[in-house]
Amino acid sequence: MPRELVAWEVLAGGGPVQPGAPLALPGADGSETGRVTSAVMHPLTGRACGLAYVRLGRVPKDSRLLVEMNLASIRRLIPVPSV
């Protein structure tokens, strides 16, 4: 499955996010769009942030995703060649 690496950050609230957590588009049918690969709590903002793989072409650039029921912004998309 072709995929893209995205950087994400929870917009407000929420606690730590575990690697492997599913991602979904808000308002969609709830189907999984990707998975968190790494997550940390930002030392200055106190918000969860990290990296995730999403299905290629399923997530528009600079869109929003749900990460463990918290709305998160997508910072940039990095193309990853399919293997």
N, C-alpha and C. Protein backbone atom coordinates (compact mmCIF):
# COMPACT_ATOMS: atom_id res chain seq x y z
N MET A 1 0.84 -1.17 0.00
CA MET A 1 0.00 0.00 0.00
C MET A 1 0.89 1.24 0.00
N PRO A 2 0.77 2.12 -0.99
CA PRO A 2 1.55 3.37 -0.99
C PRO A 2 1.12 4.25 0.18
N ARG A 3 2.08 4.91 0.78
CA ARG A 3 1.78 5.72 1.95
C ARG A 3 2.67 6.95 2.00
N GLU A 4 2.28 7.87 2.87
CA GLU A 4 3.02 9.11 3.09
C GLU A 4 3.30 9.25 4.58
N LEU A 5 4.43 9.84 4.91
CA LEU A 5 4.77 10.13 6.29
C LEU A 5 4.31 11.54 6.60
N VAL A 6 3.55 11.71 7.68
CA VAL A 6 3.06 13.04 8.06
C VAL A 6 3.51 13.38 9.46
N ALA A 7 3.76 14.65 9.69
CA ALA A 7 4.00 15.16 11.04
C ALA A 7 2.66 15.70 11.53
N TRP A 8 2.29 15.38 12.76
CA TRP A 8 1.00 15.80 13.31
C TRP A 8 1.18 16.40 14.69
N GLU A 9 0.21 17.23 15.10
CA GLU A 9 0.20 17.79 16.44
C GLU A 9 -1.25 17.97 16.87
N VAL A 10 -1.59 17.48 18.06
CA VAL A 10 -2.93 17.64 18.60
C VAL A 10 -3.18 19.12 18.83
N LEU A 11 -4.36 19.59 18.45
CA LEU A 11 -4.65 21.02 18.52
C LEU A 11 -4.91 21.51 19.94
N ALA A 12 -5.62 20.73 20.75
CA ALA A 12 -5.92 21.15 22.12
C ALA A 12 -6.31 19.94 22.94
N GLY A 13 -5.96 19.98 24.20
CA GLY A 13 -6.35 18.91 25.12
C GLY A 13 -5.68 17.59 24.80
N GLY A 14 -6.25 16.55 25.35
CA GLY A 14 -5.74 15.21 25.10
C GLY A 14 -4.49 14.92 25.90
N GLY A 15 -4.19 13.66 26.00
CA GLY A 15 -3.00 13.23 26.72
C GLY A 15 -2.03 12.56 25.77
N PRO A 16 -1.13 11.76 26.32
CA PRO A 16 -0.16 11.06 25.48
C PRO A 16 -0.84 10.15 24.47
N VAL A 17 -0.20 10.00 23.33
CA VAL A 17 -0.69 9.12 22.26
C VAL A 17 0.31 7.98 22.11
N GLN A 18 -0.19 6.78 21.96
CA GLN A 18 0.67 5.61 21.84
C GLN A 18 0.98 5.31 20.38
N PRO A 19 2.22 4.89 20.07
CA PRO A 19 2.51 4.42 18.71
C PRO A 19 1.57 3.27 18.35
N GLY A 20 1.13 3.28 17.10
CA GLY A 20 0.16 2.28 16.64
C GLY A 20 -1.27 2.77 16.71
N ALA A 21 -1.50 3.94 17.32
CA ALA A 21 -2.86 4.49 17.40
C ALA A 21 -3.38 4.77 16.00
N PRO A 22 -4.65 4.46 15.73
CA PRO A 22 -5.22 4.71 14.41
C PRO A 22 -5.51 6.19 14.18
N LEU A 23 -5.51 6.59 12.91
CA LEU A 23 -5.87 7.94 12.48
C LEU A 23 -7.10 7.85 11.60
N ALA A 24 -7.96 8.86 11.66
CA ALA A 24 -9.15 8.89 10.82
C ALA A 24 -9.44 10.33 10.42
N LEU A 25 -10.11 10.49 9.29
CA LEU A 25 -10.56 11.82 8.86
C LEU A 25 -11.83 12.17 9.60
N PRO A 26 -11.93 13.39 10.17
CA PRO A 26 -13.16 13.78 10.86
C PRO A 26 -14.34 13.81 9.89
N GLY A 27 -15.47 13.37 10.34
CA GLY A 27 -16.67 13.40 9.52
C GLY A 27 -16.75 12.32 8.48
N ALA A 28 -15.72 11.51 8.34
CA ALA A 28 -15.75 10.41 7.36
C ALA A 28 -16.46 9.22 8.00
N ASP A 29 -16.41 8.10 7.33
CA ASP A 29 -17.10 6.92 7.83
C ASP A 29 -16.39 6.26 9.02
N GLY A 30 -15.33 6.89 9.51
CA GLY A 30 -14.61 6.36 10.66
C GLY A 30 -13.56 5.33 10.29
N SER A 31 -13.39 5.08 9.00
CA SER A 31 -12.40 4.09 8.60
C SER A 31 -10.99 4.62 8.84
N GLU A 32 -10.10 3.72 9.14
CA GLU A 32 -8.72 4.07 9.44
C GLU A 32 -8.02 4.62 8.20
N THR A 33 -7.33 5.74 8.39
CA THR A 33 -6.58 6.37 7.31
C THR A 33 -5.09 6.13 7.45
N GLY A 34 -4.64 5.84 8.66
CA GLY A 34 -3.23 5.62 8.91
C GLY A 34 -2.99 5.21 10.34
N ARG A 35 -1.70 5.18 10.71
CA ARG A 35 -1.28 4.78 12.06
C ARG A 35 -0.13 5.65 12.54
N VAL A 36 -0.15 5.98 13.82
CA VAL A 36 0.93 6.73 14.46
C VAL A 36 2.16 5.84 14.53
N THR A 37 3.32 6.39 14.14
CA THR A 37 4.57 5.64 14.24
C THR A 37 5.37 6.06 15.46
N SER A 38 5.28 7.33 15.82
CA SER A 38 5.98 7.82 17.01
C SER A 38 5.21 9.01 17.59
N ALA A 39 5.31 9.16 18.90
CA ALA A 39 4.58 10.24 19.56
C ALA A 39 5.32 10.68 20.82
N VAL A 40 5.29 11.97 21.09
CA VAL A 40 5.87 12.55 22.31
C VAL A 40 4.96 13.68 22.77
N MET A 41 5.17 14.11 24.00
CA MET A 41 4.51 15.32 24.49
C MET A 41 5.50 16.46 24.26
N HIS A 42 5.07 17.49 23.53
CA HIS A 42 5.94 18.63 23.24
C HIS A 42 6.31 19.33 24.55
N PRO A 43 7.61 19.57 24.79
CA PRO A 43 8.01 20.15 26.08
C PRO A 43 7.55 21.59 26.31
N LEU A 44 7.28 22.34 25.25
CA LEU A 44 6.84 23.73 25.42
C LEU A 44 5.33 23.89 25.38
N THR A 45 4.66 23.20 24.45
CA THR A 45 3.22 23.36 24.32
C THR A 45 2.45 22.38 25.20
N GLY A 46 3.08 21.26 25.59
CA GLY A 46 2.39 20.25 26.38
C GLY A 46 1.41 19.42 25.59
N ARG A 47 1.44 19.56 24.25
CA ARG A 47 0.52 18.81 23.40
C ARG A 47 1.23 17.62 22.78
N ALA A 48 0.46 16.58 22.49
CA ALA A 48 1.01 15.40 21.83
C ALA A 48 1.33 15.75 20.38
N CYS A 49 2.45 15.20 19.89
CA CYS A 49 2.84 15.39 18.50
C CYS A 49 3.70 14.21 18.09
N GLY A 50 3.89 14.04 16.78
CA GLY A 50 4.71 12.93 16.31
C GLY A 50 4.60 12.73 14.82
N LEU A 51 4.87 11.49 14.40
CA LEU A 51 4.83 11.11 13.00
C LEU A 51 3.83 9.98 12.80
N ALA A 52 3.31 9.88 11.59
CA ALA A 52 2.37 8.80 11.26
C ALA A 52 2.45 8.52 9.77
N TYR A 53 2.14 7.29 9.41
CA TYR A 53 1.96 6.93 8.00
C TYR A 53 0.48 6.98 7.68
N VAL A 54 0.14 7.60 6.54
CA VAL A 54 -1.24 7.63 6.06
C VAL A 54 -1.26 7.12 4.62
N ARG A 55 -2.42 6.65 4.20
CA ARG A 55 -2.56 6.15 2.82
C ARG A 55 -2.34 7.29 1.83
N LEU A 56 -1.57 7.01 0.81
CA LEU A 56 -1.23 8.00 -0.21
C LEU A 56 -2.50 8.52 -0.88
N GLY A 57 -2.64 9.84 -0.93
CA GLY A 57 -3.77 10.46 -1.60
C GLY A 57 -5.05 10.52 -0.80
N ARG A 58 -5.09 9.96 0.41
CA ARG A 58 -6.31 9.96 1.21
C ARG A 58 -6.43 11.18 2.11
N VAL A 59 -5.29 11.84 2.38
CA VAL A 59 -5.29 12.97 3.31
C VAL A 59 -4.77 14.21 2.60
N PRO A 60 -5.63 15.21 2.38
CA PRO A 60 -5.17 16.44 1.74
C PRO A 60 -4.12 17.14 2.61
N LYS A 61 -3.17 17.80 1.94
CA LYS A 61 -2.12 18.52 2.66
C LYS A 61 -2.74 19.57 3.58
N ASP A 62 -2.15 19.74 4.75
CA ASP A 62 -2.60 20.72 5.75
C ASP A 62 -4.03 20.48 6.20
N SER A 63 -4.46 19.22 6.26
CA SER A 63 -5.81 18.92 6.72
C SER A 63 -5.77 18.56 8.20
N ARG A 64 -6.87 18.08 8.71
CA ARG A 64 -7.00 17.67 10.11
C ARG A 64 -7.31 16.18 10.16
N LEU A 65 -6.81 15.52 11.18
CA LEU A 65 -7.08 14.10 11.41
C LEU A 65 -7.48 13.90 12.86
N LEU A 66 -8.18 12.82 13.14
CA LEU A 66 -8.47 12.43 14.51
C LEU A 66 -7.40 11.44 14.96
N VAL A 67 -6.75 11.76 16.07
CA VAL A 67 -5.75 10.90 16.68
C VAL A 67 -6.27 10.57 18.07
N GLU A 68 -6.65 9.31 18.29
CA GLU A 68 -7.24 8.90 19.56
C GLU A 68 -8.33 9.88 20.00
N MET A 69 -9.24 10.18 19.11
CA MET A 69 -10.40 11.05 19.34
C MET A 69 -10.05 12.52 19.56
N ASN A 70 -8.81 12.93 19.36
CA ASN A 70 -8.40 14.32 19.46
C ASN A 70 -8.10 14.86 18.07
N LEU A 71 -8.56 16.07 17.78
CA LEU A 71 -8.30 16.69 16.49
C LEU A 71 -6.84 17.10 16.41
N ALA A 72 -6.17 16.72 15.32
CA ALA A 72 -4.75 17.03 15.13
C ALA A 72 -4.53 17.68 13.78
N SER A 73 -3.57 18.61 13.73
CA SER A 73 -3.21 19.24 12.46
C SER A 73 -2.08 18.43 11.83
N ILE A 74 -2.03 18.48 10.50
CA ILE A 74 -0.97 17.82 9.75
C ILE A 74 -0.03 18.92 9.27
N ARG A 75 1.23 18.80 9.62
CA ARG A 75 2.19 19.86 9.30
C ARG A 75 2.79 19.75 7.91
N ARG A 76 3.18 18.55 7.52
CA ARG A 76 3.78 18.40 6.18
C ARG A 76 3.65 16.94 5.76
N LEU A 77 3.70 16.73 4.48
CA LEU A 77 3.62 15.38 3.95
C LEU A 77 4.95 15.05 3.29
N ILE A 78 5.48 13.89 3.59
CA ILE A 78 6.76 13.46 3.07
C ILE A 78 6.52 12.19 2.24
N PRO A 79 6.71 12.21 0.91
CA PRO A 79 6.48 11.01 0.11
C PRO A 79 7.45 9.89 0.50
N VAL A 80 6.91 8.70 0.60
CA VAL A 80 7.72 7.51 0.90
C VAL A 80 7.50 6.52 -0.21
N PRO A 81 8.56 6.05 -0.88
CA PRO A 81 8.38 5.10 -1.98
C PRO A 81 7.77 3.81 -1.47
N SER A 82 6.84 3.25 -2.24
CA SER A 82 6.25 1.98 -1.85
C SER A 82 7.26 0.87 -2.04
N VAL A 83 7.18 -0.13 -1.21
CA VAL A 83 8.14 -1.23 -1.24
C VAL A 83 7.48 -2.47 -1.82
